Amino acid sequence: SADVLINHPDIELSFYQSNHEGEILDKIHGARGEFDGIIINAGAYTHY
C-alpha cells in the first residue's frame, strides 16, 4: 500500500485472504466489473 501510494497513486489495492476455496472462488467471480486485475497467491491450491 505504501509503495503504491508513492509509485502508482492512480492504483487502488484491495486485499483478501481466505483459507477456504469456495470463498476465494466467490471473490474471483465478484471481481468482474469491480477490478481491473487480480494478483493471486493461491498457496497450496496452486497445485491442484
ModelCIF file with pLDDT and N, C-alpha, C, O atoms, coordinates in Angstrom:
data_MODEL
#
_entry.id   MODEL 
#
_entity.id                         1 
_entity.type                       polymer 
_entity.pdbx_number_of_molecules   1 
#
_entity_poly.entity_id                      1 
_entity_poly.type                           'polypeptide(L)' 
_entity_poly.nstd_linkage                   no 
_entity_poly.nstd_monomer                   no 
_entity_poly.pdbx_seq_one_letter_code       SADVLINHPDIELSFYQSNHEGEILDKIHGARGEFDGIIINAGAYTHY 
_entity_poly.pdbx_seq_one_letter_code_can   SADVLINHPDIELSFYQSNHEGEILDKIHGARGEFDGIIINAGAYTHY 
_entity_poly.pdbx_strand_id                 A 
#
loop_
_entity_poly_seq.entity_id 
_entity_poly_seq.num 
_entity_poly_seq.mon_id 
_entity_poly_seq.hetero 
1 1  SER n 
1 2  ALA n 
1 3  ASP n 
1 4  VAL n 
1 5  LEU n 
1 6  ILE n 
1 7  ASN n 
1 8  HIS n 
1 9  PRO n 
1 10 ASP n 
1 11 ILE n 
1 12 GLU n 
1 13 LEU n 
1 14 SER n 
1 15 PHE n 
1 16 TYR n 
1 17 GLN n 
1 18 SER n 
1 19 ASN n 
1 20 HIS n 
1 21 GLU n 
1 22 GLY n 
1 23 GLU n 
1 24 ILE n 
1 25 LEU n 
1 26 ASP n 
1 27 LYS n 
1 28 ILE n 
1 29 HIS n 
1 30 GLY n 
1 31 ALA n 
1 32 ARG n 
1 33 GLY n 
1 34 GLU n 
1 35 PHE n 
1 36 ASP n 
1 37 GLY n 
1 38 ILE n 
1 39 ILE n 
1 40 ILE n 
1 41 ASN n 
1 42 ALA n 
1 43 GLY n 
1 44 ALA n 
1 45 TYR n 
1 46 THR n 
1 47 HIS n 
1 48 TYR n 
#
_struct_asym.id          A 
_struct_asym.entity_id   1 
#
loop_
_ma_qa_metric.id 
_ma_qa_metric.mode 
_ma_qa_metric.name 
_ma_qa_metric.software_group_id 
_ma_qa_metric.type 
1 global pLDDT . pLDDT 
2 local  pLDDT . pLDDT 
#
_ma_qa_metric_global.metric_id      1 
_ma_qa_metric_global.metric_value   96.62 
_ma_qa_metric_global.model_id       1 
_ma_qa_metric_global.ordinal_id     1 
#
loop_
_ma_qa_metric_local.label_asym_id 
_ma_qa_metric_local.label_comp_id 
_ma_qa_metric_local.label_seq_id 
_ma_qa_metric_local.metric_id 
_ma_qa_metric_local.metric_value 
_ma_qa_metric_local.model_id 
_ma_qa_metric_local.ordinal_id 
A SER 1  2 97.00 1 1  
A ALA 2  2 97.00 1 2  
A ASP 3  2 95.00 1 3  
A VAL 4  2 95.00 1 4  
A LEU 5  2 93.00 1 5  
A ILE 6  2 93.00 1 6  
A ASN 7  2 92.00 1 7  
A HIS 8  2 94.00 1 8  
A PRO 9  2 95.00 1 9  
A ASP 10 2 94.00 1 10 
A ILE 11 2 97.00 1 11 
A GLU 12 2 97.00 1 12 
A LEU 13 2 98.00 1 13 
A SER 14 2 98.00 1 14 
A PHE 15 2 98.00 1 15 
A TYR 16 2 98.00 1 16 
A GLN 17 2 98.00 1 17 
A SER 18 2 98.00 1 18 
A ASN 19 2 98.00 1 19 
A HIS 20 2 98.00 1 20 
A GLU 21 2 98.00 1 21 
A GLY 22 2 98.00 1 22 
A GLU 23 2 98.00 1 23 
A ILE 24 2 98.00 1 24 
A LEU 25 2 98.00 1 25 
A ASP 26 2 98.00 1 26 
A LYS 27 2 98.00 1 27 
A ILE 28 2 98.00 1 28 
A HIS 29 2 98.00 1 29 
A GLY 30 2 98.00 1 30 
A ALA 31 2 98.00 1 31 
A ARG 32 2 96.00 1 32 
A GLY 33 2 95.00 1 33 
A GLU 34 2 98.00 1 34 
A PHE 35 2 98.00 1 35 
A ASP 36 2 97.00 1 36 
A GLY 37 2 98.00 1 37 
A ILE 38 2 98.00 1 38 
A ILE 39 2 98.00 1 39 
A ILE 40 2 98.00 1 40 
A ASN 41 2 98.00 1 41 
A ALA 42 2 97.00 1 42 
A GLY 43 2 95.00 1 43 
A ALA 44 2 93.00 1 44 
A TYR 45 2 96.00 1 45 
A THR 46 2 96.00 1 46 
A HIS 47 2 93.00 1 47 
A TYR 48 2 93.00 1 48 
#
loop_
_atom_site.group_PDB 
_atom_site.id 
_atom_site.type_symbol 
_atom_site.label_atom_id 
_atom_site.label_alt_id 
_atom_site.label_comp_id 
_atom_site.label_asym_id 
_atom_site.label_entity_id 
_atom_site.label_seq_id 
_atom_site.pdbx_PDB_ins_code 
_atom_site.Cartn_x 
_atom_site.Cartn_y 
_atom_site.Cartn_z 
_atom_site.occupancy 
_atom_site.B_iso_or_equiv 
_atom_site.pdbx_formal_charge 
_atom_site.auth_seq_id 
_atom_site.auth_comp_id 
_atom_site.auth_asym_id 
_atom_site.auth_atom_id 
_atom_site.pdbx_PDB_model_num 
ATOM 1   N N  . SER A 1 1  ? 0.832   -1.208  0.000   1.00 97.00 ? 1  SER A N  1 
ATOM 2   C CA . SER A 1 1  ? 0.000   0.000   0.000   1.00 97.00 ? 1  SER A CA 1 
ATOM 3   C C  . SER A 1 1  ? 0.862   1.252   0.000   1.00 97.00 ? 1  SER A C  1 
ATOM 4   O O  . SER A 1 1  ? 0.594   2.186   -0.755  1.00 97.00 ? 1  SER A O  1 
ATOM 5   N N  . ALA A 1 2  ? 1.886   1.284   0.829   1.00 97.00 ? 2  ALA A N  1 
ATOM 6   C CA . ALA A 1 2  ? 2.777   2.449   0.893   1.00 97.00 ? 2  ALA A CA 1 
ATOM 7   C C  . ALA A 1 2  ? 3.531   2.634   -0.417  1.00 97.00 ? 2  ALA A C  1 
ATOM 8   O O  . ALA A 1 2  ? 3.678   3.758   -0.898  1.00 97.00 ? 2  ALA A O  1 
ATOM 9   N N  . ASP A 1 3  ? 4.005   1.543   -0.992  1.00 95.00 ? 3  ASP A N  1 
ATOM 10  C CA . ASP A 1 3  ? 4.740   1.609   -2.248  1.00 95.00 ? 3  ASP A CA 1 
ATOM 11  C C  . ASP A 1 3  ? 3.855   2.119   -3.382  1.00 95.00 ? 3  ASP A C  1 
ATOM 12  O O  . ASP A 1 3  ? 4.292   2.930   -4.199  1.00 95.00 ? 3  ASP A O  1 
ATOM 13  N N  . VAL A 1 4  ? 2.631   1.651   -3.429  1.00 95.00 ? 4  VAL A N  1 
ATOM 14  C CA . VAL A 1 4  ? 1.707   2.089   -4.482  1.00 95.00 ? 4  VAL A CA 1 
ATOM 15  C C  . VAL A 1 4  ? 1.391   3.578   -4.335  1.00 95.00 ? 4  VAL A C  1 
ATOM 16  O O  . VAL A 1 4  ? 1.303   4.289   -5.336  1.00 95.00 ? 4  VAL A O  1 
ATOM 17  N N  . LEU A 1 5  ? 1.222   4.053   -3.111  1.00 93.00 ? 5  LEU A N  1 
ATOM 18  C CA . LEU A 1 5  ? 0.959   5.480   -2.896  1.00 93.00 ? 5  LEU A CA 1 
ATOM 19  C C  . LEU A 1 5  ? 2.069   6.342   -3.476  1.00 93.00 ? 5  LEU A C  1 
ATOM 20  O O  . LEU A 1 5  ? 1.810   7.409   -4.034  1.00 93.00 ? 5  LEU A O  1 
ATOM 21  N N  . ILE A 1 6  ? 3.299   5.880   -3.344  1.00 93.00 ? 6  ILE A N  1 
ATOM 22  C CA . ILE A 1 6  ? 4.446   6.640   -3.836  1.00 93.00 ? 6  ILE A CA 1 
ATOM 23  C C  . ILE A 1 6  ? 4.626   6.485   -5.341  1.00 93.00 ? 6  ILE A C  1 
ATOM 24  O O  . ILE A 1 6  ? 4.782   7.474   -6.058  1.00 93.00 ? 6  ILE A O  1 
ATOM 25  N N  . ASN A 1 7  ? 4.603   5.247   -5.817  1.00 92.00 ? 7  ASN A N  1 
ATOM 26  C CA . ASN A 1 7  ? 4.969   4.966   -7.208  1.00 92.00 ? 7  ASN A CA 1 
ATOM 27  C C  . ASN A 1 7  ? 3.806   4.888   -8.190  1.00 92.00 ? 7  ASN A C  1 
ATOM 28  O O  . ASN A 1 7  ? 3.994   5.087   -9.391  1.00 92.00 ? 7  ASN A O  1 
ATOM 29  N N  . HIS A 1 8  ? 2.615   4.603   -7.693  1.00 94.00 ? 8  HIS A N  1 
ATOM 30  C CA . HIS A 1 8  ? 1.442   4.476   -8.569  1.00 94.00 ? 8  HIS A CA 1 
ATOM 31  C C  . HIS A 1 8  ? 0.193   5.021   -7.870  1.00 94.00 ? 8  HIS A C  1 
ATOM 32  O O  . HIS A 1 8  ? -0.714  4.255   -7.546  1.00 94.00 ? 8  HIS A O  1 
ATOM 33  N N  . PRO A 1 9  ? 0.140   6.315   -7.638  1.00 95.00 ? 9  PRO A N  1 
ATOM 34  C CA . PRO A 1 9  ? -1.003  6.862   -6.908  1.00 95.00 ? 9  PRO A CA 1 
ATOM 35  C C  . PRO A 1 9  ? -2.342  6.662   -7.618  1.00 95.00 ? 9  PRO A C  1 
ATOM 36  O O  . PRO A 1 9  ? -3.400  6.862   -7.021  1.00 95.00 ? 9  PRO A O  1 
ATOM 37  N N  . ASP A 1 10 ? -2.295  6.266   -8.893  1.00 94.00 ? 10 ASP A N  1 
ATOM 38  C CA . ASP A 1 10 ? -3.519  6.009   -9.648  1.00 94.00 ? 10 ASP A CA 1 
ATOM 39  C C  . ASP A 1 10 ? -4.026  4.581   -9.470  1.00 94.00 ? 10 ASP A C  1 
ATOM 40  O O  . ASP A 1 10 ? -5.051  4.213   -10.043 1.00 94.00 ? 10 ASP A O  1 
ATOM 41  N N  . ILE A 1 11 ? -3.314  3.768   -8.677  1.00 97.00 ? 11 ILE A N  1 
ATOM 42  C CA . ILE A 1 11 ? -3.714  2.384   -8.434  1.00 97.00 ? 11 ILE A CA 1 
ATOM 43  C C  . ILE A 1 11 ? -4.304  2.266   -7.038  1.00 97.00 ? 11 ILE A C  1 
ATOM 44  O O  . ILE A 1 11 ? -3.761  2.788   -6.064  1.00 97.00 ? 11 ILE A O  1 
ATOM 45  N N  . GLU A 1 12 ? -5.429  1.565   -6.968  1.00 97.00 ? 12 GLU A N  1 
ATOM 46  C CA . GLU A 1 12 ? -6.072  1.265   -5.693  1.00 97.00 ? 12 GLU A CA 1 
ATOM 47  C C  . GLU A 1 12 ? -5.966  -0.237  -5.453  1.00 97.00 ? 12 GLU A C  1 
ATOM 48  O O  . GLU A 1 12 ? -6.367  -1.039  -6.295  1.00 97.00 ? 12 GLU A O  1 
ATOM 49  N N  . LEU A 1 13 ? -5.422  -0.608  -4.298  1.00 98.00 ? 13 LEU A N  1 
ATOM 50  C CA . LEU A 1 13 ? -5.284  -2.017  -3.952  1.00 98.00 ? 13 LEU A CA 1 
ATOM 51  C C  . LEU A 1 13 ? -6.364  -2.429  -2.964  1.00 98.00 ? 13 LEU A C  1 
ATOM 52  O O  . LEU A 1 13 ? -6.725  -1.670  -2.064  1.00 98.00 ? 13 LEU A O  1 
ATOM 53  N N  . SER A 1 14 ? -6.874  -3.641  -3.146  1.00 98.00 ? 14 SER A N  1 
ATOM 54  C CA . SER A 1 14 ? -7.764  -4.272  -2.176  1.00 98.00 ? 14 SER A CA 1 
ATOM 55  C C  . SER A 1 14 ? -7.171  -5.626  -1.834  1.00 98.00 ? 14 SER A C  1 
ATOM 56  O O  . SER A 1 14 ? -6.658  -6.323  -2.710  1.00 98.00 ? 14 SER A O  1 
ATOM 57  N N  . PHE A 1 15 ? -7.238  -6.000  -0.567  1.00 98.00 ? 15 PHE A N  1 
ATOM 58  C CA . PHE A 1 15 ? -6.617  -7.235  -0.102  1.00 98.00 ? 15 PHE A CA 1 
ATOM 59  C C  . PHE A 1 15 ? -7.673  -8.194  0.423   1.00 98.00 ? 15 PHE A C  1 
ATOM 60  O O  . PHE A 1 15 ? -8.649  -7.786  1.053   1.00 98.00 ? 15 PHE A O  1 
ATOM 61  N N  . TYR A 1 16 ? -7.459  -9.475  0.151   1.00 98.00 ? 16 TYR A N  1 
ATOM 62  C CA . TYR A 1 16 ? -8.372  -10.508 0.620   1.00 98.00 ? 16 TYR A CA 1 
ATOM 63  C C  . TYR A 1 16 ? -7.568  -11.762 0.922   1.00 98.00 ? 16 TYR A C  1 
ATOM 64  O O  . TYR A 1 16 ? -6.681  -12.138 0.155   1.00 98.00 ? 16 TYR A O  1 
ATOM 65  N N  . GLN A 1 17 ? -7.877  -12.405 2.034   1.00 98.00 ? 17 GLN A N  1 
ATOM 66  C CA . GLN A 1 17 ? -7.247  -13.678 2.383   1.00 98.00 ? 17 GLN A CA 1 
ATOM 67  C C  . GLN A 1 17 ? -8.310  -14.623 2.900   1.00 98.00 ? 17 GLN A C  1 
ATOM 68  O O  . GLN A 1 17 ? -9.181  -14.233 3.677   1.00 98.00 ? 17 GLN A O  1 
ATOM 69  N N  . SER A 1 18 ? -8.233  -15.866 2.464   1.00 98.00 ? 18 SER A N  1 
ATOM 70  C CA . SER A 1 18 ? -9.132  -16.891 2.980   1.00 98.00 ? 18 SER A CA 1 
ATOM 71  C C  . SER A 1 18 ? -8.439  -18.244 2.936   1.00 98.00 ? 18 SER A C  1 
ATOM 72  O O  . SER A 1 18 ? -7.614  -18.517 2.065   1.00 98.00 ? 18 SER A O  1 
ATOM 73  N N  . ASN A 1 19 ? -8.795  -19.074 3.892   1.00 98.00 ? 19 ASN A N  1 
ATOM 74  C CA . ASN A 1 19 ? -8.324  -20.453 3.915   1.00 98.00 ? 19 ASN A CA 1 
ATOM 75  C C  . ASN A 1 19 ? -9.332  -21.396 3.260   1.00 98.00 ? 19 ASN A C  1 
ATOM 76  O O  . ASN A 1 19 ? -9.154  -22.614 3.283   1.00 98.00 ? 19 ASN A O  1 
ATOM 77  N N  . HIS A 1 20 ? -10.399 -20.825 2.672   1.00 98.00 ? 20 HIS A N  1 
ATOM 78  C CA . HIS A 1 20 ? -11.492 -21.626 2.129   1.00 98.00 ? 20 HIS A CA 1 
ATOM 79  C C  . HIS A 1 20 ? -11.615 -21.434 0.618   1.00 98.00 ? 20 HIS A C  1 
ATOM 80  O O  . HIS A 1 20 ? -11.813 -20.320 0.133   1.00 98.00 ? 20 HIS A O  1 
ATOM 81  N N  . GLU A 1 21 ? -11.495 -22.520 -0.099  1.00 98.00 ? 21 GLU A N  1 
ATOM 82  C CA . GLU A 1 21 ? -11.503 -22.472 -1.556  1.00 98.00 ? 21 GLU A CA 1 
ATOM 83  C C  . GLU A 1 21 ? -12.769 -21.811 -2.115  1.00 98.00 ? 21 GLU A C  1 
ATOM 84  O O  . GLU A 1 21 ? -12.680 -20.977 -3.016  1.00 98.00 ? 21 GLU A O  1 
ATOM 85  N N  . GLY A 1 22 ? -13.931 -22.170 -1.596  1.00 98.00 ? 22 GLY A N  1 
ATOM 86  C CA . GLY A 1 22 ? -15.186 -21.606 -2.093  1.00 98.00 ? 22 GLY A CA 1 
ATOM 87  C C  . GLY A 1 22 ? -15.261 -20.099 -1.915  1.00 98.00 ? 22 GLY A C  1 
ATOM 88  O O  . GLY A 1 22 ? -15.786 -19.396 -2.779  1.00 98.00 ? 22 GLY A O  1 
ATOM 89  N N  . GLU A 1 23 ? -14.740 -19.596 -0.796  1.00 98.00 ? 23 GLU A N  1 
ATOM 90  C CA . GLU A 1 23 ? -14.732 -18.148 -0.569  1.00 98.00 ? 23 GLU A CA 1 
ATOM 91  C C  . GLU A 1 23 ? -13.814 -17.444 -1.558  1.00 98.00 ? 23 GLU A C  1 
ATOM 92  O O  . GLU A 1 23 ? -14.117 -16.345 -2.022  1.00 98.00 ? 23 GLU A O  1 
ATOM 93  N N  . ILE A 1 24 ? -12.695 -18.077 -1.877  1.00 98.00 ? 24 ILE A N  1 
ATOM 94  C CA . ILE A 1 24 ? -11.785 -17.496 -2.874  1.00 98.00 ? 24 ILE A CA 1 
ATOM 95  C C  . ILE A 1 24 ? -12.442 -17.495 -4.244  1.00 98.00 ? 24 ILE A C  1 
ATOM 96  O O  . ILE A 1 24 ? -12.314 -16.530 -4.997  1.00 98.00 ? 24 ILE A O  1 
ATOM 97  N N  . LEU A 1 25 ? -13.145 -18.575 -4.569  1.00 98.00 ? 25 LEU A N  1 
ATOM 98  C CA . LEU A 1 25 ? -13.887 -18.635 -5.840  1.00 98.00 ? 25 LEU A CA 1 
ATOM 99  C C  . LEU A 1 25 ? -14.905 -17.504 -5.923  1.00 98.00 ? 25 LEU A C  1 
ATOM 100 O O  . LEU A 1 25 ? -15.006 -16.825 -6.945  1.00 98.00 ? 25 LEU A O  1 
ATOM 101 N N  . ASP A 1 26 ? -15.651 -17.306 -4.853  1.00 98.00 ? 26 ASP A N  1 
ATOM 102 C CA . ASP A 1 26 ? -16.653 -16.232 -4.840  1.00 98.00 ? 26 ASP A CA 1 
ATOM 103 C C  . ASP A 1 26 ? -15.993 -14.866 -5.028  1.00 98.00 ? 26 ASP A C  1 
ATOM 104 O O  . ASP A 1 26 ? -16.532 -14.005 -5.724  1.00 98.00 ? 26 ASP A O  1 
ATOM 105 N N  . LYS A 1 27 ? -14.838 -14.670 -4.414  1.00 98.00 ? 27 LYS A N  1 
ATOM 106 C CA . LYS A 1 27 ? -14.132 -13.385 -4.544  1.00 98.00 ? 27 LYS A CA 1 
ATOM 107 C C  . LYS A 1 27 ? -13.666 -13.176 -5.984  1.00 98.00 ? 27 LYS A C  1 
ATOM 108 O O  . LYS A 1 27 ? -13.773 -12.070 -6.513  1.00 98.00 ? 27 LYS A O  1 
ATOM 109 N N  . ILE A 1 28 ? -13.153 -14.222 -6.616  1.00 98.00 ? 28 ILE A N  1 
ATOM 110 C CA . ILE A 1 28 ? -12.731 -14.130 -8.022  1.00 98.00 ? 28 ILE A CA 1 
ATOM 111 C C  . ILE A 1 28 ? -13.932 -13.809 -8.900  1.00 98.00 ? 28 ILE A C  1 
ATOM 112 O O  . ILE A 1 28 ? -13.852 -12.919 -9.746  1.00 98.00 ? 28 ILE A O  1 
ATOM 113 N N  . HIS A 1 29 ? -15.036 -14.511 -8.717  1.00 98.00 ? 29 HIS A N  1 
ATOM 114 C CA . HIS A 1 29 ? -16.241 -14.247 -9.518  1.00 98.00 ? 29 HIS A CA 1 
ATOM 115 C C  . HIS A 1 29 ? -16.715 -12.809 -9.327  1.00 98.00 ? 29 HIS A C  1 
ATOM 116 O O  . HIS A 1 29 ? -17.102 -12.149 -10.291 1.00 98.00 ? 29 HIS A O  1 
ATOM 117 N N  . GLY A 1 30 ? -16.686 -12.326 -8.099  1.00 98.00 ? 30 GLY A N  1 
ATOM 118 C CA . GLY A 1 30 ? -17.158 -10.981 -7.792  1.00 98.00 ? 30 GLY A CA 1 
ATOM 119 C C  . GLY A 1 30 ? -16.247 -9.869  -8.287  1.00 98.00 ? 30 GLY A C  1 
ATOM 120 O O  . GLY A 1 30 ? -16.638 -8.701  -8.284  1.00 98.00 ? 30 GLY A O  1 
ATOM 121 N N  . ALA A 1 31 ? -15.047 -10.214 -8.708  1.00 98.00 ? 31 ALA A N  1 
ATOM 122 C CA . ALA A 1 31 ? -14.094 -9.200  -9.174  1.00 98.00 ? 31 ALA A CA 1 
ATOM 123 C C  . ALA A 1 31 ? -14.478 -8.618  -10.528 1.00 98.00 ? 31 ALA A C  1 
ATOM 124 O O  . ALA A 1 31 ? -14.065 -7.510  -10.870 1.00 98.00 ? 31 ALA A O  1 
ATOM 125 N N  . ARG A 1 32 ? -15.263 -9.355  -11.294 1.00 96.00 ? 32 ARG A N  1 
ATOM 126 C CA . ARG A 1 32 ? -15.674 -8.864  -12.620 1.00 96.00 ? 32 ARG A CA 1 
ATOM 127 C C  . ARG A 1 32 ? -16.441 -7.557  -12.463 1.00 96.00 ? 32 ARG A C  1 
ATOM 128 O O  . ARG A 1 32 ? -17.368 -7.466  -11.658 1.00 96.00 ? 32 ARG A O  1 
ATOM 129 N N  . GLY A 1 33 ? -16.057 -6.563  -13.225 1.00 95.00 ? 33 GLY A N  1 
ATOM 130 C CA . GLY A 1 33 ? -16.747 -5.287  -13.193 1.00 95.00 ? 33 GLY A CA 1 
ATOM 131 C C  . GLY A 1 33 ? -16.330 -4.375  -12.050 1.00 95.00 ? 33 GLY A C  1 
ATOM 132 O O  . GLY A 1 33 ? -16.685 -3.197  -12.043 1.00 95.00 ? 33 GLY A O  1 
ATOM 133 N N  . GLU A 1 34 ? -15.580 -4.901  -11.080 1.00 98.00 ? 34 GLU A N  1 
ATOM 134 C CA . GLU A 1 34 ? -15.136 -4.103  -9.948  1.00 98.00 ? 34 GLU A CA 1 
ATOM 135 C C  . GLU A 1 34 ? -13.635 -3.825  -9.990  1.00 98.00 ? 34 GLU A C  1 
ATOM 136 O O  . GLU A 1 34 ? -13.182 -2.773  -9.540  1.00 98.00 ? 34 GLU A O  1 
ATOM 137 N N  . PHE A 1 35 ? -12.865 -4.770  -10.533 1.00 98.00 ? 35 PHE A N  1 
ATOM 138 C CA . PHE A 1 35 ? -11.408 -4.658  -10.560 1.00 98.00 ? 35 PHE A CA 1 
ATOM 139 C C  . PHE A 1 35 ? -10.884 -4.750  -11.984 1.00 98.00 ? 35 PHE A C  1 
ATOM 140 O O  . PHE A 1 35 ? -11.529 -5.306  -12.872 1.00 98.00 ? 35 PHE A O  1 
ATOM 141 N N  . ASP A 1 36 ? -9.697  -4.189  -12.176 1.00 97.00 ? 36 ASP A N  1 
ATOM 142 C CA . ASP A 1 36 ? -9.040  -4.232  -13.487 1.00 97.00 ? 36 ASP A CA 1 
ATOM 143 C C  . ASP A 1 36 ? -8.062  -5.394  -13.601 1.00 97.00 ? 36 ASP A C  1 
ATOM 144 O O  . ASP A 1 36 ? -7.636  -5.740  -14.704 1.00 97.00 ? 36 ASP A O  1 
ATOM 145 N N  . GLY A 1 37 ? -7.709  -5.989  -12.493 1.00 98.00 ? 37 GLY A N  1 
ATOM 146 C CA . GLY A 1 37 ? -6.794  -7.118  -12.493 1.00 98.00 ? 37 GLY A CA 1 
ATOM 147 C C  . GLY A 1 37 ? -6.704  -7.739  -11.118 1.00 98.00 ? 37 GLY A C  1 
ATOM 148 O O  . GLY A 1 37 ? -7.101  -7.144  -10.116 1.00 98.00 ? 37 GLY A O  1 
ATOM 149 N N  . ILE A 1 38 ? -6.170  -8.954  -11.092 1.00 98.00 ? 38 ILE A N  1 
ATOM 150 C CA . ILE A 1 38 ? -6.029  -9.706  -9.847  1.00 98.00 ? 38 ILE A CA 1 
ATOM 151 C C  . ILE A 1 38 ? -4.604  -10.224 -9.743  1.00 98.00 ? 38 ILE A C  1 
ATOM 152 O O  . ILE A 1 38 ? -4.000  -10.637 -10.732 1.00 98.00 ? 38 ILE A O  1 
ATOM 153 N N  . ILE A 1 39 ? -4.086  -10.193 -8.532  1.00 98.00 ? 39 ILE A N  1 
ATOM 154 C CA . ILE A 1 39 ? -2.843  -10.870 -8.185  1.00 98.00 ? 39 ILE A CA 1 
ATOM 155 C C  . ILE A 1 39 ? -3.241  -11.940 -7.184  1.00 98.00 ? 39 ILE A C  1 
ATOM 156 O O  . ILE A 1 39 ? -3.898  -11.646 -6.185  1.00 98.00 ? 39 ILE A O  1 
ATOM 157 N N  . ILE A 1 40 ? -2.844  -13.183 -7.447  1.00 98.00 ? 40 ILE A N  1 
ATOM 158 C CA . ILE A 1 40 ? -3.244  -14.268 -6.554  1.00 98.00 ? 40 ILE A CA 1 
ATOM 159 C C  . ILE A 1 40 ? -2.059  -15.110 -6.118  1.00 98.00 ? 40 ILE A C  1 
ATOM 160 O O  . ILE A 1 40 ? -1.251  -15.560 -6.931  1.00 98.00 ? 40 ILE A O  1 
ATOM 161 N N  . ASN A 1 41 ? -1.981  -15.307 -4.817  1.00 98.00 ? 41 ASN A N  1 
ATOM 162 C CA . ASN A 1 41 ? -1.104  -16.315 -4.231  1.00 98.00 ? 41 ASN A CA 1 
ATOM 163 C C  . ASN A 1 41 ? -2.063  -17.346 -3.662  1.00 98.00 ? 41 ASN A C  1 
ATOM 164 O O  . ASN A 1 41 ? -2.584  -17.187 -2.558  1.00 98.00 ? 41 ASN A O  1 
ATOM 165 N N  . ALA A 1 42 ? -2.287  -18.390 -4.419  1.00 97.00 ? 42 ALA A N  1 
ATOM 166 C CA . ALA A 1 42 ? -3.285  -19.387 -4.043  1.00 97.00 ? 42 ALA A CA 1 
ATOM 167 C C  . ALA A 1 42 ? -2.746  -20.428 -3.073  1.00 97.00 ? 42 ALA A C  1 
ATOM 168 O O  . ALA A 1 42 ? -3.454  -21.372 -2.721  1.00 97.00 ? 42 ALA A O  1 
ATOM 169 N N  . GLY A 1 43 ? -1.494  -20.263 -2.636  1.00 95.00 ? 43 GLY A N  1 
ATOM 170 C CA . GLY A 1 43 ? -0.926  -21.236 -1.708  1.00 95.00 ? 43 GLY A CA 1 
ATOM 171 C C  . GLY A 1 43 ? -1.007  -22.633 -2.295  1.00 95.00 ? 43 GLY A C  1 
ATOM 172 O O  . GLY A 1 43 ? -0.777  -22.825 -3.489  1.00 95.00 ? 43 GLY A O  1 
ATOM 173 N N  . ALA A 1 44 ? -1.331  -23.601 -1.461  1.00 93.00 ? 44 ALA A N  1 
ATOM 174 C CA . ALA A 1 44 ? -1.379  -24.994 -1.898  1.00 93.00 ? 44 ALA A CA 1 
ATOM 175 C C  . ALA A 1 44 ? -2.426  -25.236 -2.985  1.00 93.00 ? 44 ALA A C  1 
ATOM 176 O O  . ALA A 1 44 ? -2.297  -26.189 -3.754  1.00 93.00 ? 44 ALA A O  1 
ATOM 177 N N  . TYR A 1 45 ? -3.453  -24.399 -3.064  1.00 96.00 ? 45 TYR A N  1 
ATOM 178 C CA . TYR A 1 45 ? -4.467  -24.568 -4.125  1.00 96.00 ? 45 TYR A CA 1 
ATOM 179 C C  . TYR A 1 45 ? -3.848  -24.450 -5.519  1.00 96.00 ? 45 TYR A C  1 
ATOM 180 O O  . TYR A 1 45 ? -4.399  -24.955 -6.497  1.00 96.00 ? 45 TYR A O  1 
ATOM 181 N N  . THR A 1 46 ? -2.705  -23.783 -5.597  1.00 96.00 ? 46 THR A N  1 
ATOM 182 C CA . THR A 1 46 ? -1.988  -23.625 -6.865  1.00 96.00 ? 46 THR A CA 1 
ATOM 183 C C  . THR A 1 46 ? -1.776  -24.958 -7.561  1.00 96.00 ? 46 THR A C  1 
ATOM 184 O O  . THR A 1 46 ? -1.813  -25.039 -8.789  1.00 96.00 ? 46 THR A O  1 
ATOM 185 N N  . HIS A 1 47 ? -1.556  -25.993 -6.783  1.00 93.00 ? 47 HIS A N  1 
ATOM 186 C CA . HIS A 1 47 ? -1.087  -27.254 -7.328  1.00 93.00 ? 47 HIS A CA 1 
ATOM 187 C C  . HIS A 1 47 ? -2.195  -28.242 -7.681  1.00 93.00 ? 47 HIS A C  1 
ATOM 188 O O  . HIS A 1 47 ? -1.934  -29.270 -8.305  1.00 93.00 ? 47 HIS A O  1 
ATOM 189 N N  . TYR A 1 48 ? -3.443  -27.935 -7.281  1.00 93.00 ? 48 TYR A N  1 
ATOM 190 C CA . TYR A 1 48 ? -4.492  -28.923 -7.562  1.00 93.00 ? 48 TYR A CA 1 
ATOM 191 C C  . TYR A 1 48 ? -5.901  -28.360 -7.735  1.00 93.00 ? 48 TYR A C  1 
ATOM 192 O O  . TYR A 1 48 ? -6.842  -29.116 -7.973  1.00 93.00 ? 48 TYR A O  1 
#
